Amino acid sequence: MFDELPTYTNEVDLTAMPASLLRLIRSRKHGLWSNKASAELARREADERGIEQAA
């Protein structure tokens, strides 16, 4: 599955990936992929906190 990922993360829309796949990528891929997956998960968590605080 991970062999199918392109070399560069800018070729993939990480925002469209489910959180479970991002967590899997973060744990099994290293370097740029792990960093980008972590950043996307952090962005989603921040968005959720912002929504909860606004409610």
PDB file of N, CA and C in Angstrom:
ATOM      1  N   MET A   1       0.823  -1.191   0.000  1.00  0.00           N
ATOM      2  CA  MET A   1       0.000   0.000   0.000  1.00  0.00           C
ATOM      3  C   MET A   1       0.868   1.256   0.000  1.00  0.00           C
ATOM      4  N   PHE A   2       1.889   1.296   0.865  1.00  0.00           N
ATOM      5  CA  PHE A   2       2.716   2.481   0.939  1.00  0.00           C
ATOM      6  C   PHE A   2       3.618   2.612  -0.272  1.00  0.00           C
ATOM      7  N   ASP A   3       3.867   1.530  -0.963  1.00  0.00           N
ATOM      8  CA  ASP A   3       4.668   1.602  -2.182  1.00  0.00           C
ATOM      9  C   ASP A   3       3.928   2.367  -3.266  1.00  0.00           C
ATOM     10  N   GLU A   4       2.607   2.444  -3.150  1.00  0.00           N
ATOM     11  CA  GLU A   4       1.800   3.142  -4.140  1.00  0.00           C
ATOM     12  C   GLU A   4       1.805   4.651  -3.943  1.00  0.00           C
ATOM     13  N   LEU A   5       2.265   5.119  -2.786  1.00  0.00           N
ATOM     14  CA  LEU A   5       2.322   6.553  -2.547  1.00  0.00           C
ATOM     15  C   LEU A   5       3.416   7.166  -3.404  1.00  0.00           C
ATOM     16  N   PRO A   6       3.146   8.328  -3.981  1.00  0.00           N
ATOM     17  CA  PRO A   6       4.185   8.988  -4.770  1.00  0.00           C
ATOM     18  C   PRO A   6       5.344   9.447  -3.883  1.00  0.00           C
ATOM     19  N   THR A   7       6.425   9.788  -4.513  1.00  0.00           N
ATOM     20  CA  THR A   7       7.606  10.228  -3.777  1.00  0.00           C
ATOM     21  C   THR A   7       7.343  11.531  -3.038  1.00  0.00           C
ATOM     22  N   TYR A   8       6.652  12.438  -3.672  1.00  0.00           N
ATOM     23  CA  TYR A   8       6.437  13.764  -3.101  1.00  0.00           C
ATOM     24  C   TYR A   8       5.005  13.929  -2.602  1.00  0.00           C
ATOM     25  N   THR A   9       4.877  14.501  -1.427  1.00  0.00           N
ATOM     26  CA  THR A   9       3.550  14.642  -0.817  1.00  0.00           C
ATOM     27  C   THR A   9       2.679  15.660  -1.533  1.00  0.00           C
ATOM     28  N   ASN A  10       3.269  16.593  -2.273  1.00  0.00           N
ATOM     29  CA  ASN A  10       2.447  17.594  -2.961  1.00  0.00           C
ATOM     30  C   ASN A  10       1.641  16.986  -4.110  1.00  0.00           C
ATOM     31  N   GLU A  11       1.891  15.729  -4.430  1.00  0.00           N
ATOM     32  CA  GLU A  11       1.135  15.044  -5.479  1.00  0.00           C
ATOM     33  C   GLU A  11      -0.140  14.403  -4.923  1.00  0.00           C
ATOM     34  N   VAL A  12      -0.342  14.510  -3.601  1.00  0.00           N
ATOM     35  CA  VAL A  12      -1.480  13.865  -2.948  1.00  0.00           C
ATOM     36  C   VAL A  12      -2.208  14.892  -2.099  1.00  0.00           C
ATOM     37  N   ASP A  13      -3.534  14.832  -2.121  1.00  0.00           N
ATOM     38  CA  ASP A  13      -4.347  15.716  -1.293  1.00  0.00           C
ATOM     39  C   ASP A  13      -4.533  15.073   0.083  1.00  0.00           C
ATOM     40  N   LEU A  14      -3.698  15.456   1.039  1.00  0.00           N
ATOM     41  CA  LEU A  14      -3.777  14.876   2.376  1.00  0.00           C
ATOM     42  C   LEU A  14      -5.070  15.256   3.088  1.00  0.00           C
ATOM     43  N   THR A  15      -5.668  16.374   2.698  1.00  0.00           N
ATOM     44  CA  THR A  15      -6.913  16.787   3.350  1.00  0.00           C
ATOM     45  C   THR A  15      -8.063  15.845   3.016  1.00  0.00           C
ATOM     46  N   ALA A  16      -7.939  15.101   1.935  1.00  0.00           N
ATOM     47  CA  ALA A  16      -8.995  14.169   1.544  1.00  0.00           C
ATOM     48  C   ALA A  16      -8.835  12.791   2.190  1.00  0.00           C
ATOM     49  N   MET A  17      -7.698  12.552   2.828  1.00  0.00           N
ATOM     50  CA  MET A  17      -7.444  11.242   3.445  1.00  0.00           C
ATOM     51  C   MET A  17      -8.118  11.142   4.806  1.00  0.00           C
ATOM     52  N   PRO A  18      -8.646   9.966   5.138  1.00  0.00           N
ATOM     53  CA  PRO A  18      -9.213   9.791   6.475  1.00  0.00           C
ATOM     54  C   PRO A  18      -8.117   9.846   7.543  1.00  0.00           C
ATOM     55  N   ALA A  19      -8.491  10.249   8.740  1.00  0.00           N
ATOM     56  CA  ALA A  19      -7.530  10.377   9.840  1.00  0.00           C
ATOM     57  C   ALA A  19      -6.840   9.051  10.124  1.00  0.00           C
ATOM     58  N   SER A  20      -7.549   7.948   9.990  1.00  0.00           N
ATOM     59  CA  SER A  20      -6.944   6.645  10.264  1.00  0.00           C
ATOM     60  C   SER A  20      -5.789   6.360   9.310  1.00  0.00           C
ATOM     61  N   LEU A  21      -5.929   6.735   8.055  1.00  0.00           N
ATOM     62  CA  LEU A  21      -4.850   6.541   7.088  1.00  0.00           C
ATOM     63  C   LEU A  21      -3.683   7.477   7.381  1.00  0.00           C
ATOM     64  N   LEU A  22      -3.976   8.707   7.780  1.00  0.00           N
ATOM     65  CA  LEU A  22      -2.911   9.644   8.133  1.00  0.00           C
ATOM     66  C   LEU A  22      -2.113   9.143   9.332  1.00  0.00           C
ATOM     67  N   ARG A  23      -2.799   8.580  10.330  1.00  0.00           N
ATOM     68  CA  ARG A  23      -2.103   8.030  11.497  1.00  0.00           C
ATOM     69  C   ARG A  23      -1.226   6.849  11.084  1.00  0.00           C
ATOM     70  N   LEU A  24      -1.716   6.034  10.171  1.00  0.00           N
ATOM     71  CA  LEU A  24      -0.938   4.893   9.680  1.00  0.00           C
ATOM     72  C   LEU A  24       0.298   5.367   8.914  1.00  0.00           C
ATOM     73  N   ILE A  25       0.123   6.353   8.067  1.00  0.00           N
ATOM     74  CA  ILE A  25       1.261   6.916   7.329  1.00  0.00           C
ATOM     75  C   ILE A  25       2.279   7.491   8.298  1.00  0.00           C
ATOM     76  N   ARG A  26       1.789   8.223   9.295  1.00  0.00           N
ATOM     77  CA  ARG A  26       2.685   8.847  10.278  1.00  0.00           C
ATOM     78  C   ARG A  26       3.516   7.805  11.021  1.00  0.00           C
ATOM     79  N   SER A  27       2.911   6.660  11.296  1.00  0.00           N
ATOM     80  CA  SER A  27       3.625   5.643  12.066  1.00  0.00           C
ATOM     81  C   SER A  27       4.543   4.770  11.212  1.00  0.00           C
ATOM     82  N   ARG A  28       4.261   4.657   9.917  1.00  0.00           N
ATOM     83  CA  ARG A  28       5.032   3.712   9.096  1.00  0.00           C
ATOM     84  C   ARG A  28       5.950   4.348   8.063  1.00  0.00           C
ATOM     85  N   LYS A  29       5.661   5.569   7.685  1.00  0.00           N
ATOM     86  CA  LYS A  29       6.533   6.262   6.730  1.00  0.00           C
ATOM     87  C   LYS A  29       7.391   7.239   7.519  1.00  0.00           C
ATOM     88  N   HIS A  30       8.539   7.576   6.989  1.00  0.00           N
ATOM     89  CA  HIS A  30       9.436   8.482   7.692  1.00  0.00           C
ATOM     90  C   HIS A  30       9.673   9.732   6.862  1.00  0.00           C
ATOM     91  N   GLY A  31      10.208  10.721   7.501  1.00  0.00           N
ATOM     92  CA  GLY A  31      10.583  11.943   6.803  1.00  0.00           C
ATOM     93  C   GLY A  31       9.393  12.798   6.432  1.00  0.00           C
ATOM     94  N   LEU A  32       9.381  13.261   5.210  1.00  0.00           N
ATOM     95  CA  LEU A  32       8.385  14.224   4.747  1.00  0.00           C
ATOM     96  C   LEU A  32       6.961  13.700   4.889  1.00  0.00           C
ATOM     97  N   TRP A  33       6.726  12.445   4.538  1.00  0.00           N
ATOM     98  CA  TRP A  33       5.378  11.891   4.646  1.00  0.00           C
ATOM     99  C   TRP A  33       4.884  11.921   6.085  1.00  0.00           C
ATOM    100  N   SER A  34       5.717  11.510   7.014  1.00  0.00           N
ATOM    101  CA  SER A  34       5.351  11.515   8.426  1.00  0.00           C
ATOM    102  C   SER A  34       5.072  12.936   8.906  1.00  0.00           C
ATOM    103  N   ASN A  35       5.922  13.862   8.512  1.00  0.00           N
ATOM    104  CA  ASN A  35       5.750  15.261   8.915  1.00  0.00           C
ATOM    105  C   ASN A  35       4.457  15.849   8.366  1.00  0.00           C
ATOM    106  N   LYS A  36       4.176  15.593   7.114  1.00  0.00           N
ATOM    107  CA  LYS A  36       2.965  16.135   6.486  1.00  0.00           C
ATOM    108  C   LYS A  36       1.701  15.516   7.097  1.00  0.00           C
ATOM    109  N   ALA A  37       1.735  14.215   7.358  1.00  0.00           N
ATOM    110  CA  ALA A  37       0.590  13.553   7.979  1.00  0.00           C
ATOM    111  C   ALA A  37       0.358  14.104   9.381  1.00  0.00           C
ATOM    112  N   SER A  38       1.415  14.309  10.134  1.00  0.00           N
ATOM    113  CA  SER A  38       1.298  14.882  11.478  1.00  0.00           C
ATOM    114  C   SER A  38       0.723  16.289  11.423  1.00  0.00           C
ATOM    115  N   ALA A  39       1.185  17.082  10.477  1.00  0.00           N
ATOM    116  CA  ALA A  39       0.688  18.450  10.341  1.00  0.00           C
ATOM    117  C   ALA A  39      -0.793  18.469   9.986  1.00  0.00           C
ATOM    118  N   GLU A  40      -1.210  17.594   9.108  1.00  0.00           N
ATOM    119  CA  GLU A  40      -2.625  17.541   8.725  1.00  0.00           C
ATOM    120  C   GLU A  40      -3.489  17.100   9.908  1.00  0.00           C
ATOM    121  N   LEU A  41      -3.025  16.108  10.659  1.00  0.00           N
ATOM    122  CA  LEU A  41      -3.778  15.672  11.841  1.00  0.00           C
ATOM    123  C   LEU A  41      -3.865  16.795  12.876  1.00  0.00           C
ATOM    124  N   ALA A  42      -2.790  17.522  13.072  1.00  0.00           N
ATOM    125  CA  ALA A  42      -2.787  18.646  14.019  1.00  0.00           C
ATOM    126  C   ALA A  42      -3.740  19.738  13.552  1.00  0.00           C
ATOM    127  N   ARG A  43      -3.776  20.010  12.258  1.00  0.00           N
ATOM    128  CA  ARG A  43      -4.687  21.021  11.717  1.00  0.00           C
ATOM    129  C   ARG A  43      -6.137  20.630  11.961  1.00  0.00           C
ATOM    130  N   ARG A  44      -6.444  19.347  11.735  1.00  0.00           N
ATOM    131  CA  ARG A  44      -7.813  18.871  11.966  1.00  0.00           C
ATOM    132  C   ARG A  44      -8.207  18.972  13.434  1.00  0.00           C
ATOM    133  N   GLU A  45      -7.280  18.613  14.326  1.00  0.00           N
ATOM    134  CA  GLU A  45      -7.564  18.704  15.752  1.00  0.00           C
ATOM    135  C   GLU A  45      -7.798  20.155  16.164  1.00  0.00           C
ATOM    136  N   ALA A  46      -7.014  21.074  15.626  1.00  0.00           N
ATOM    137  CA  ALA A  46      -7.190  22.494  15.930  1.00  0.00           C
ATOM    138  C   ALA A  46      -8.538  22.987  15.408  1.00  0.00           C
ATOM    139  N   ASP A  47      -8.916  22.542  14.218  1.00  0.00           N
ATOM    140  CA  ASP A  47     -10.224  22.911  13.667  1.00  0.00           C
ATOM    141  C   ASP A  47     -11.348  22.409  14.564  1.00  0.00           C
ATOM    142  N   GLU A  48     -11.229  21.163  15.035  1.00  0.00           N
ATOM    143  CA  GLU A  48     -12.264  20.596  15.900  1.00  0.00           C
ATOM    144  C   GLU A  48     -12.355  21.352  17.216  1.00  0.00           C
ATOM    145  N   ARG A  49     -11.217  21.716  17.794  1.00  0.00           N
ATOM    146  CA  ARG A  49     -11.223  22.494  19.039  1.00  0.00           C
ATOM    147  C   ARG A  49     -11.866  23.847  18.817  1.00  0.00           C
ATOM    148  N   GLY A  50     -11.593  24.463  17.689  1.00  0.00           N
ATOM    149  CA  GLY A  50     -12.199  25.756  17.370  1.00  0.00           C
ATOM    150  C   GLY A  50     -13.698  25.668  17.232  1.00  0.00           C
ATOM    151  N   ILE A  51     -14.176  24.597  16.640  1.00  0.00           N
ATOM    152  CA  ILE A  51     -15.621  24.394  16.484  1.00  0.00           C
ATOM    153  C   ILE A  51     -16.260  24.154  17.831  1.00  0.00           C
ATOM    154  N   GLU A  52     -15.608  23.341  18.678  1.00  0.00           N
ATOM    155  CA  GLU A  52     -16.150  23.046  20.006  1.00  0.00           C
ATOM    156  C   GLU A  52     -16.199  24.305  20.861  1.00  0.00           C
ATOM    157  N   GLN A  53     -15.186  25.169  20.768  1.00  0.00           N
ATOM    158  CA  GLN A  53     -15.160  26.385  21.562  1.00  0.00           C
ATOM    159  C   GLN A  53     -16.212  27.375  21.092  1.00  0.00           C
ATOM    160  N   ALA A  54     -16.522  27.373  19.820  1.00  0.00           N
ATOM    161  CA  ALA A  54     -17.516  28.293  19.280  1.00  0.00           C
ATOM    162  C   ALA A  54     -18.934  27.879  19.637  1.00  0.00           C
ATOM    163  N   ALA A  55     -19.126  26.599  19.901  1.00  0.00           N
ATOM    164  CA  ALA A  55     -20.485  26.098  20.174  1.00  0.00           C
ATOM    165  C   ALA A  55     -20.977  26.407  21.554  1.00  0.00           C
TER     166      ALA A  55
END
